[in-house]
Amino acid sequence: MPRKRVLVKDIMSKPGVAISKDEIVGVALELMDKKDITHLIVLNKERGLVGILTAREIMDGLGSYRFQKIQARRIYVSALMTEPPITIEQNADASKAADIMISQGVEIIPVIKNSEVVGVVTETDLLKLLEGENGATAEKLMNPKHPRINPGQRAVHARTVMLETRSRLLPVCSGEKLLGIVTEMALAKTFYQVREKFPSRIMDSVVRRIIVEDIMLENPPTVGTSDNLGKIVQTVVENGIPAVPVVDSRMSLLGVLERRSLLKKLLPKYQV
């Protein structure tokens, strides 16, 4: 069977949501919240593309000693963004974008036409190509060894686990039972609020008292082991989550299915 060819320009989001590199991080979080996204393209004064800012970078930066005792209003987008950004031409194959995301660990790629940014291609844009597919089940696609955390552990520990394991979501469990999830965005907002609301001298002690139970999303979206590829993609896309827990009928956690695992299903289907 011939493989389908889909170009980046056919699926990209346009225009991408942009922010100035000279804005403060609080404005970036507000914009992400308003648009219900976890990523922004970053522009300079001449409206040229200079970087990418994601919830993960905000979580990492605001939770680090790099900005110890610095209030959020003094931290700028330029200090947290990734530069230079990886880009892709609008006439490239969609499978190339998927391959870049998998190999480079990025969730958004600015799309270029004649050296100008004309949009962005995101994981969600690519995953929509798999909607309606039957394919493999969650049991075959999930990672049963995905890291997890318990509700009494500290939020700063959750950040460390995410960074060390390259995870973008942690299931919160009591024993085997799934209680909730913690995302990069939840941690980014938590660290921002501490830096915004508390004096510099007590920031560290305040953030270390915050536990996972305080910030987790309860009753999160889940899938079952027999759910097929189309159902999994629908759950991930509709809920805007970077990964989805796989559970049994008693809500015991069996594994986690990440977006990058789903993107891998695109490659044999759409590569030329």
C-alpha atoms as a PDB file:
ATOM      1  CA  MET A   1       0.000   0.000   0.000  1.00  0.00           C
ATOM      2  CA  PRO A   2       1.456   3.431  -0.949  1.00  0.00           C
ATOM      3  CA  ARG A   3       2.246   5.680   1.969  1.00  0.00           C
ATOM      4  CA  LYS A   4       0.327   8.922   2.285  1.00  0.00           C
ATOM      5  CA  ARG A   5       2.111  12.227   1.806  1.00  0.00           C
ATOM      6  CA  VAL A   6       1.036  15.102   4.016  1.00  0.00           C
ATOM      7  CA  LEU A   7       2.940  18.376   4.059  1.00  0.00           C
ATOM      8  CA  VAL A   8       3.588  20.524   7.101  1.00  0.00           C
ATOM      9  CA  LYS A   9       1.648  23.426   5.570  1.00  0.00           C
ATOM     10  CA  ASP A  10      -1.459  21.206   5.333  1.00  0.00           C
ATOM     11  CA  ILE A  11      -1.654  20.609   9.098  1.00  0.00           C
ATOM     12  CA  MET A  12       0.165  23.520  10.776  1.00  0.00           C
ATOM     13  CA  SER A  13      -1.443  25.979  13.158  1.00  0.00           C
ATOM     14  CA  LYS A  14      -1.341  29.543  11.900  1.00  0.00           C
ATOM     15  CA  PRO A  15      -0.359  31.934  13.078  1.00  0.00           C
ATOM     16  CA  GLY A  16       1.634  30.648  16.047  1.00  0.00           C
ATOM     17  CA  VAL A  17       1.030  32.372  19.389  1.00  0.00           C
ATOM     18  CA  ALA A  18       3.942  34.751  19.922  1.00  0.00           C
ATOM     19  CA  ILE A  19       5.477  36.781  22.742  1.00  0.00           C
ATOM     20  CA  SER A  20       8.292  39.320  22.931  1.00  0.00           C
ATOM     21  CA  LYS A  21      11.566  38.166  24.435  1.00  0.00           C
ATOM     22  CA  ASP A  22      11.406  41.304  26.622  1.00  0.00           C
ATOM     23  CA  GLU A  23       8.134  40.332  28.348  1.00  0.00           C
ATOM     24  CA  ILE A  24       8.156  39.004  31.893  1.00  0.00           C
ATOM     25  CA  VAL A  25       7.405  35.345  32.560  1.00  0.00           C
ATOM     26  CA  GLY A  26       4.050  36.155  34.178  1.00  0.00           C
ATOM     27  CA  VAL A  27       2.746  37.514  30.874  1.00  0.00           C
ATOM     28  CA  ALA A  28       3.875  34.312  29.149  1.00  0.00           C
ATOM     29  CA  LEU A  29       1.958  32.137  31.628  1.00  0.00           C
ATOM     30  CA  GLU A  30      -1.156  34.303  31.260  1.00  0.00           C
ATOM     31  CA  LEU A  31      -0.974  33.980  27.477  1.00  0.00           C
ATOM     32  CA  MET A  32      -0.547  30.203  27.677  1.00  0.00           C
ATOM     33  CA  ASP A  33      -3.530  30.011  30.019  1.00  0.00           C
ATOM     34  CA  LYS A  34      -5.686  32.208  27.778  1.00  0.00           C
ATOM     35  CA  LYS A  35      -4.870  30.204  24.639  1.00  0.00           C
ATOM     36  CA  ASP A  36      -4.897  26.833  26.463  1.00  0.00           C
ATOM     37  CA  ILE A  37      -1.419  25.939  25.208  1.00  0.00           C
ATOM     38  CA  THR A  38       1.960  25.114  26.763  1.00  0.00           C
ATOM     39  CA  HIS A  39       4.272  26.772  24.234  1.00  0.00           C
ATOM     40  CA  LEU A  40       4.970  30.149  22.611  1.00  0.00           C
ATOM     41  CA  ILE A  41       7.210  31.371  19.815  1.00  0.00           C
ATOM     42  CA  VAL A  42       9.482  34.209  20.927  1.00  0.00           C
ATOM     43  CA  LEU A  43      10.146  37.293  18.793  1.00  0.00           C
ATOM     44  CA  ASN A  44      12.583  40.199  19.004  1.00  0.00           C
ATOM     45  CA  LYS A  45      11.768  43.887  18.509  1.00  0.00           C
ATOM     46  CA  GLU A  46      11.924  43.458  14.733  1.00  0.00           C
ATOM     47  CA  ARG A  47       9.370  40.598  14.962  1.00  0.00           C
ATOM     48  CA  GLY A  48      12.073  38.111  14.050  1.00  0.00           C
ATOM     49  CA  LEU A  49      11.993  34.598  15.494  1.00  0.00           C
ATOM     50  CA  VAL A  50      14.582  34.153  18.271  1.00  0.00           C
ATOM     51  CA  GLY A  51      13.339  31.296  20.447  1.00  0.00           C
ATOM     52  CA  ILE A  52      10.699  29.001  21.884  1.00  0.00           C
ATOM     53  CA  LEU A  53       9.257  29.102  25.394  1.00  0.00           C
ATOM     54  CA  THR A  54       7.421  26.120  26.890  1.00  0.00           C
ATOM     55  CA  ALA A  55       5.838  25.315  30.237  1.00  0.00           C
ATOM     56  CA  ARG A  56       8.726  22.913  30.835  1.00  0.00           C
ATOM     57  CA  GLU A  57      11.301  25.692  30.536  1.00  0.00           C
ATOM     58  CA  ILE A  58       9.307  27.871  32.923  1.00  0.00           C
ATOM     59  CA  MET A  59       9.018  24.964  35.389  1.00  0.00           C
ATOM     60  CA  ASP A  60      12.733  24.277  35.123  1.00  0.00           C
ATOM     61  CA  GLY A  61      13.853  27.910  35.430  1.00  0.00           C
ATOM     62  CA  LEU A  62      11.525  29.081  38.188  1.00  0.00           C
ATOM     63  CA  GLY A  63      12.232  25.975  40.242  1.00  0.00           C
ATOM     64  CA  SER A  64      16.022  26.257  39.994  1.00  0.00           C
ATOM     65  CA  TYR A  65      18.697  27.922  42.096  1.00  0.00           C
ATOM     66  CA  ARG A  66      19.638  29.909  38.998  1.00  0.00           C
ATOM     67  CA  PHE A  67      16.984  32.446  39.970  1.00  0.00           C
ATOM     68  CA  GLN A  68      17.214  31.920  43.721  1.00  0.00           C
ATOM     69  CA  LYS A  69      15.375  34.658  45.641  1.00  0.00           C
ATOM     70  CA  ILE A  70      14.511  36.565  42.448  1.00  0.00           C
ATOM     71  CA  GLN A  71      10.879  37.613  42.183  1.00  0.00           C
ATOM     72  CA  ALA A  72       8.901  36.558  39.114  1.00  0.00           C
ATOM     73  CA  ARG A  73       8.383  40.128  37.902  1.00  0.00           C
ATOM     74  CA  ARG A  74      12.144  40.392  37.388  1.00  0.00           C
ATOM     75  CA  ILE A  75      12.474  37.251  35.244  1.00  0.00           C
ATOM     76  CA  TYR A  76      12.139  37.764  31.497  1.00  0.00           C
ATOM     77  CA  VAL A  77      11.182  35.414  28.667  1.00  0.00           C
ATOM     78  CA  SER A  78      14.669  35.801  27.164  1.00  0.00           C
ATOM     79  CA  ALA A  79      16.189  34.230  30.286  1.00  0.00           C
ATOM     80  CA  LEU A  80      14.103  31.053  30.006  1.00  0.00           C
ATOM     81  CA  MET A  81      13.553  30.449  26.291  1.00  0.00           C
ATOM     82  CA  THR A  82      15.345  27.906  24.102  1.00  0.00           C
ATOM     83  CA  GLU A  83      17.455  29.511  21.407  1.00  0.00           C
ATOM     84  CA  PRO A  84      17.954  29.179  18.528  1.00  0.00           C
ATOM     85  CA  PRO A  85      14.733  27.294  17.764  1.00  0.00           C
ATOM     86  CA  ILE A  86      14.561  24.293  15.464  1.00  0.00           C
ATOM     87  CA  THR A  87      12.504  25.214  12.372  1.00  0.00           C
ATOM     88  CA  ILE A  88      11.001  23.386   9.408  1.00  0.00           C
ATOM     89  CA  GLU A  89      10.028  24.421   5.881  1.00  0.00           C
ATOM     90  CA  GLN A  90       6.312  24.515   5.099  1.00  0.00           C
ATOM     91  CA  ASN A  91       6.707  22.074   2.183  1.00  0.00           C
ATOM     92  CA  ALA A  92       8.474  19.435   4.274  1.00  0.00           C
ATOM     93  CA  ASP A  93       6.722  16.136   4.956  1.00  0.00           C
ATOM     94  CA  ALA A  94       4.708  15.964   8.166  1.00  0.00           C
ATOM     95  CA  SER A  95       6.655  12.794   8.995  1.00  0.00           C
ATOM     96  CA  LYS A  96       9.849  14.881   9.119  1.00  0.00           C
ATOM     97  CA  ALA A  97       8.269  17.104  11.782  1.00  0.00           C
ATOM     98  CA  ALA A  98       7.294  14.007  13.776  1.00  0.00           C
ATOM     99  CA  ASP A  99      10.820  12.649  13.470  1.00  0.00           C
ATOM    100  CA  ILE A 100      12.299  15.931  14.741  1.00  0.00           C
ATOM    101  CA  MET A 101       9.932  15.986  17.711  1.00  0.00           C
ATOM    102  CA  ILE A 102      10.812  12.418  18.652  1.00  0.00           C
ATOM    103  CA  SER A 103      14.575  12.770  18.218  1.00  0.00           C
ATOM    104  CA  GLN A 104      14.963  16.287  19.653  1.00  0.00           C
ATOM    105  CA  GLY A 105      12.303  16.129  22.354  1.00  0.00           C
ATOM    106  CA  VAL A 106      10.472  19.273  21.204  1.00  0.00           C
ATOM    107  CA  GLU A 107       6.712  19.831  21.197  1.00  0.00           C
ATOM    108  CA  ILE A 108       6.509  22.722  18.747  1.00  0.00           C
ATOM    109  CA  ILE A 109       8.393  23.632  15.561  1.00  0.00           C
ATOM    110  CA  PRO A 110       8.076  27.049  13.856  1.00  0.00           C
ATOM    111  CA  VAL A 111       7.226  26.727  10.156  1.00  0.00           C
ATOM    112  CA  ILE A 112       9.209  28.779   7.643  1.00  0.00           C
ATOM    113  CA  LYS A 113       8.421  30.081   4.146  1.00  0.00           C
ATOM    114  CA  ASN A 114      11.067  32.201   2.428  1.00  0.00           C
ATOM    115  CA  SER A 115      12.775  32.792   5.806  1.00  0.00           C
ATOM    116  CA  GLU A 116       9.529  34.096   7.353  1.00  0.00           C
ATOM    117  CA  VAL A 117       7.545  32.375  10.102  1.00  0.00           C
ATOM    118  CA  VAL A 118       4.134  31.410   8.706  1.00  0.00           C
ATOM    119  CA  GLY A 119       2.900  29.172  11.515  1.00  0.00           C
ATOM    120  CA  VAL A 120       3.854  26.368  13.859  1.00  0.00           C
ATOM    121  CA  VAL A 121       3.440  22.625  13.787  1.00  0.00           C
ATOM    122  CA  THR A 122       2.674  21.042  17.149  1.00  0.00           C
ATOM    123  CA  GLU A 123       2.321  17.538  18.522  1.00  0.00           C
ATOM    124  CA  THR A 124      -1.449  18.027  18.477  1.00  0.00           C
ATOM    125  CA  ASP A 125      -1.417  18.982  14.782  1.00  0.00           C
ATOM    126  CA  LEU A 126       0.406  15.742  14.010  1.00  0.00           C
ATOM    127  CA  LEU A 127      -1.615  13.511  16.326  1.00  0.00           C
ATOM    128  CA  LYS A 128      -4.836  14.585  14.639  1.00  0.00           C
ATOM    129  CA  LEU A 129      -3.645  12.603  11.616  1.00  0.00           C
ATOM    130  CA  LEU A 130      -4.193   9.463  13.706  1.00  0.00           C
ATOM    131  CA  GLU A 131      -7.769  10.231  14.760  1.00  0.00           C
ATOM    132  CA  GLY A 132     -10.115   7.421  13.800  1.00  0.00           C
ATOM    133  CA  GLU A 133      -7.329   4.845  13.548  1.00  0.00           C
ATOM    134  CA  ASN A 134      -7.806   1.425  15.100  1.00  0.00           C
ATOM    135  CA  GLY A 135      -4.226   0.183  15.210  1.00  0.00           C
ATOM    136  CA  ALA A 136      -2.461  -0.897  18.386  1.00  0.00           C
ATOM    137  CA  THR A 137      -4.005  -0.864  21.844  1.00  0.00           C
ATOM    138  CA  ALA A 138      -2.888   1.056  24.924  1.00  0.00           C
ATOM    139  CA  GLU A 139      -1.545  -2.161  26.437  1.00  0.00           C
ATOM    140  CA  LYS A 140       0.975  -2.477  23.581  1.00  0.00           C
ATOM    141  CA  LEU A 141       1.884   1.202  23.416  1.00  0.00           C
ATOM    142  CA  MET A 142       2.147   2.120  27.112  1.00  0.00           C
ATOM    143  CA  ASN A 143       5.284   2.339  29.223  1.00  0.00           C
ATOM    144  CA  PRO A 144       4.656   0.242  32.353  1.00  0.00           C
ATOM    145  CA  LYS A 145       7.826   1.637  33.978  1.00  0.00           C
ATOM    146  CA  HIS A 146       6.924   5.305  33.638  1.00  0.00           C
ATOM    147  CA  PRO A 147       7.884   7.187  36.838  1.00  0.00           C
ATOM    148  CA  ARG A 148       5.186   7.955  39.370  1.00  0.00           C
ATOM    149  CA  ILE A 149       4.987   9.949  42.577  1.00  0.00           C
ATOM    150  CA  ASN A 150       2.953   9.830  45.770  1.00  0.00           C
ATOM    151  CA  PRO A 151       0.751  12.679  47.019  1.00  0.00           C
ATOM    152  CA  GLY A 152       2.857  13.431  50.085  1.00  0.00           C
ATOM    153  CA  GLN A 153       6.075  14.089  48.200  1.00  0.00           C
ATOM    154  CA  ARG A 154       7.287  17.626  47.590  1.00  0.00           C
ATOM    155  CA  ALA A 155       6.539  19.581  44.433  1.00  0.00           C
ATOM    156  CA  VAL A 156      10.265  20.292  44.062  1.00  0.00           C
ATOM    157  CA  HIS A 157      10.880  16.542  43.988  1.00  0.00           C
ATOM    158  CA  ALA A 158       8.275  16.149  41.219  1.00  0.00           C
ATOM    159  CA  ARG A 159      10.211  18.727  39.177  1.00  0.00           C
ATOM    160  CA  THR A 160      13.449  16.818  39.704  1.00  0.00           C
ATOM    161  CA  VAL A 161      11.883  13.529  38.623  1.00  0.00           C
ATOM    162  CA  MET A 162      10.422  15.116  35.489  1.00  0.00           C
ATOM    163  CA  LEU A 163      13.747  16.624  34.470  1.00  0.00           C
ATOM    164  CA  GLU A 164      15.829  13.545  35.213  1.00  0.00           C
ATOM    165  CA  THR A 165      13.474  11.142  33.402  1.00  0.00           C
ATOM    166  CA  ARG A 166      12.433  13.549  30.599  1.00  0.00           C
ATOM    167  CA  SER A 167       8.807  13.038  31.660  1.00  0.00           C
ATOM    168  CA  ARG A 168       6.151  15.690  31.037  1.00  0.00           C
ATOM    169  CA  LEU A 169       3.523  14.208  33.324  1.00  0.00           C
ATOM    170  CA  LEU A 170       3.681  12.216  36.556  1.00  0.00           C
ATOM    171  CA  PRO A 171       0.851   9.983  37.780  1.00  0.00           C
ATOM    172  CA  VAL A 172       0.122  10.501  41.472  1.00  0.00           C
ATOM    173  CA  CYS A 173      -0.549   7.195  43.209  1.00  0.00           C
ATOM    174  CA  SER A 174      -1.339   5.789  46.626  1.00  0.00           C
ATOM    175  CA  GLY A 175      -0.020   2.277  46.303  1.00  0.00           C
ATOM    176  CA  GLU A 176      -1.205   1.225  42.845  1.00  0.00           C
ATOM    177  CA  LYS A 177      -4.327   3.428  42.839  1.00  0.00           C
ATOM    178  CA  LEU A 178      -4.242   6.489  40.577  1.00  0.00           C
ATOM    179  CA  LEU A 179      -5.265   9.654  42.428  1.00  0.00           C
ATOM    180  CA  GLY A 180      -4.278  12.354  39.970  1.00  0.00           C
ATOM    181  CA  ILE A 181      -1.559  13.757  37.715  1.00  0.00           C
ATOM    182  CA  VAL A 182       1.038  16.506  37.924  1.00  0.00           C
ATOM    183  CA  THR A 183       2.057  18.359  34.770  1.00  0.00           C
ATOM    184  CA  GLU A 184       4.820  20.771  33.825  1.00  0.00           C
ATOM    185  CA  MET A 185       2.261  23.581  33.678  1.00  0.00           C
ATOM    186  CA  ALA A 186       1.008  22.872  37.218  1.00  0.00           C
ATOM    187  CA  LEU A 187       4.558  23.069  38.534  1.00  0.00           C
ATOM    188  CA  ALA A 188       5.377  26.164  36.470  1.00  0.00           C
ATOM    189  CA  LYS A 189       2.352  27.984  37.904  1.00  0.00           C
ATOM    190  CA  THR A 190       3.198  26.860  41.442  1.00  0.00           C
ATOM    191  CA  PHE A 191       6.778  28.132  41.300  1.00  0.00           C
ATOM    192  CA  TYR A 192       5.605  31.375  39.691  1.00  0.00           C
ATOM    193  CA  GLN A 193       3.029  32.018  42.431  1.00  0.00           C
ATOM    194  CA  VAL A 194       5.623  31.502  45.160  1.00  0.00           C
ATOM    195  CA  ARG A 195       8.005  33.958  43.497  1.00  0.00           C
ATOM    196  CA  GLU A 196       5.207  36.457  42.949  1.00  0.00           C
ATOM    197  CA  LYS A 197       3.531  36.350  46.374  1.00  0.00           C
ATOM    198  CA  PHE A 198       6.301  35.838  48.912  1.00  0.00           C
ATOM    199  CA  PRO A 199       9.345  37.881  49.954  1.00  0.00           C
ATOM    200  CA  SER A 200      12.692  36.683  48.650  1.00  0.00           C
ATOM    201  CA  ARG A 201      13.935  35.659  52.098  1.00  0.00           C
ATOM    202  CA  ILE A 202      11.250  32.964  52.567  1.00  0.00           C
ATOM    203  CA  MET A 203      10.704  31.748  48.975  1.00  0.00           C
ATOM    204  CA  ASP A 204      12.809  28.626  49.423  1.00  0.00           C
ATOM    205  CA  SER A 205      11.110  27.523  52.643  1.00  0.00           C
ATOM    206  CA  VAL A 206       7.644  28.171  51.201  1.00  0.00           C
ATOM    207  CA  VAL A 207       8.183  26.184  48.008  1.00  0.00           C
ATOM    208  CA  ARG A 208       9.608  23.253  49.966  1.00  0.00           C
ATOM    209  CA  ARG A 209       6.418  22.988  52.004  1.00  0.00           C
ATOM    210  CA  ILE A 210       4.239  22.503  48.912  1.00  0.00           C
ATOM    211  CA  ILE A 211       3.378  18.864  48.348  1.00  0.00           C
ATOM    212  CA  VAL A 212       2.098  17.092  45.253  1.00  0.00           C
ATOM    213  CA  GLU A 213      -1.389  16.668  46.702  1.00  0.00           C
ATOM    214  CA  ASP A 214      -1.740  20.477  46.794  1.00  0.00           C
ATOM    215  CA  ILE A 215      -1.227  20.918  43.050  1.00  0.00           C
ATOM    216  CA  MET A 216      -2.267  17.669  41.357  1.00  0.00           C
ATOM    217  CA  LEU A 217      -5.209  17.370  38.975  1.00  0.00           C
ATOM    218  CA  GLU A 218      -7.661  14.934  40.523  1.00  0.00           C
ATOM    219  CA  ASN A 219      -9.811  12.513  38.489  1.00  0.00           C
ATOM    220  CA  PRO A 220      -7.581  12.874  35.411  1.00  0.00           C
ATOM    221  CA  PRO A 221      -8.400  11.561  31.931  1.00  0.00           C
ATOM    222  CA  THR A 222      -7.400   7.905  31.510  1.00  0.00           C
ATOM    223  CA  VAL A 223      -7.582   5.082  28.977  1.00  0.00           C
ATOM    224  CA  GLY A 224      -7.978   1.321  29.384  1.00  0.00           C
ATOM    225  CA  THR A 225      -5.634  -1.359  28.088  1.00  0.00           C
ATOM    226  CA  SER A 226      -7.991  -2.354  25.263  1.00  0.00           C
ATOM    227  CA  ASP A 227      -8.578   1.197  23.985  1.00  0.00           C
ATOM    228  CA  ASN A 228      -7.311   1.572  20.429  1.00  0.00           C
ATOM    229  CA  LEU A 229      -5.086   4.196  18.863  1.00  0.00           C
ATOM    230  CA  GLY A 230      -7.963   6.438  17.771  1.00  0.00           C
ATOM    231  CA  LYS A 231      -9.489   6.532  21.269  1.00  0.00           C
ATOM    232  CA  ILE A 232      -6.109   7.248  22.847  1.00  0.00           C
ATOM    233  CA  VAL A 233      -5.385  10.119  20.460  1.00  0.00           C
ATOM    234  CA  GLN A 234      -8.857  11.561  21.034  1.00  0.00           C
ATOM    235  CA  THR A 235      -8.326  11.508  24.816  1.00  0.00           C
ATOM    236  CA  VAL A 236      -4.926  13.163  24.601  1.00  0.00           C
ATOM    237  CA  VAL A 237      -5.969  15.840  22.094  1.00  0.00           C
ATOM    238  CA  GLU A 238      -9.319  16.749  23.678  1.00  0.00           C
ATOM    239  CA  ASN A 239      -7.799  17.106  27.143  1.00  0.00           C
ATOM    240  CA  GLY A 240      -4.588  18.821  26.053  1.00  0.00           C
ATOM    241  CA  ILE A 241      -2.400  16.524  28.144  1.00  0.00           C
ATOM    242  CA  PRO A 242       1.190  15.496  27.329  1.00  0.00           C
ATOM    243  CA  ALA A 243       0.574  11.875  28.343  1.00  0.00           C
ATOM    244  CA  VAL A 244      -2.303   9.700  29.527  1.00  0.00           C
ATOM    245  CA  PRO A 245      -2.372   7.142  32.363  1.00  0.00           C
ATOM    246  CA  VAL A 246      -3.478   3.606  31.491  1.00  0.00           C
ATOM    247  CA  VAL A 247      -5.614   2.022  34.216  1.00  0.00           C
ATOM    248  CA  ASP A 248      -7.687  -1.059  34.948  1.00  0.00           C
ATOM    249  CA  SER A 249     -11.303  -1.153  36.147  1.00  0.00           C
ATOM    250  CA  ARG A 250     -10.218  -0.447  39.748  1.00  0.00           C
ATOM    251  CA  MET A 251      -8.184   2.636  38.735  1.00  0.00           C
ATOM    252  CA  SER A 252      -4.916   0.839  39.387  1.00  0.00           C
ATOM    253  CA  LEU A 253      -2.131   2.385  37.305  1.00  0.00           C
ATOM    254  CA  LEU A 254      -0.749  -0.010  34.715  1.00  0.00           C
ATOM    255  CA  GLY A 255       1.400   2.399  32.727  1.00  0.00           C
ATOM    256  CA  VAL A 256       1.558   5.731  30.909  1.00  0.00           C
ATOM    257  CA  LEU A 257       1.261   6.500  27.227  1.00  0.00           C
ATOM    258  CA  GLU A 258       3.201   9.565  26.098  1.00  0.00           C
ATOM    259  CA  ARG A 259       2.666  11.679  23.001  1.00  0.00           C
ATOM    260  CA  ARG A 260       6.056  10.706  21.613  1.00  0.00           C
ATOM    261  CA  SER A 261       4.970   7.048  21.579  1.00  0.00           C
ATOM    262  CA  LEU A 262       1.937   8.029  19.531  1.00  0.00           C
ATOM    263  CA  LEU A 263       4.027  10.141  17.150  1.00  0.00           C
ATOM    264  CA  LYS A 264       6.107   7.065  16.354  1.00  0.00           C
ATOM    265  CA  LYS A 265       2.978   5.497  14.849  1.00  0.00           C
ATOM    266  CA  LEU A 266       2.950   8.275  12.245  1.00  0.00           C
ATOM    267  CA  LEU A 267       6.323   7.495  10.737  1.00  0.00           C
ATOM    268  CA  PRO A 268       5.576   4.242   8.874  1.00  0.00           C
ATOM    269  CA  LYS A 269       2.193   5.594   7.776  1.00  0.00           C
ATOM    270  CA  TYR A 270       3.267   8.930   6.320  1.00  0.00           C
ATOM    271  CA  GLN A 271       6.936   8.651   5.431  1.00  0.00           C
ATOM    272  CA  VAL A 272       7.637   8.893   1.713  1.00  0.00           C
END
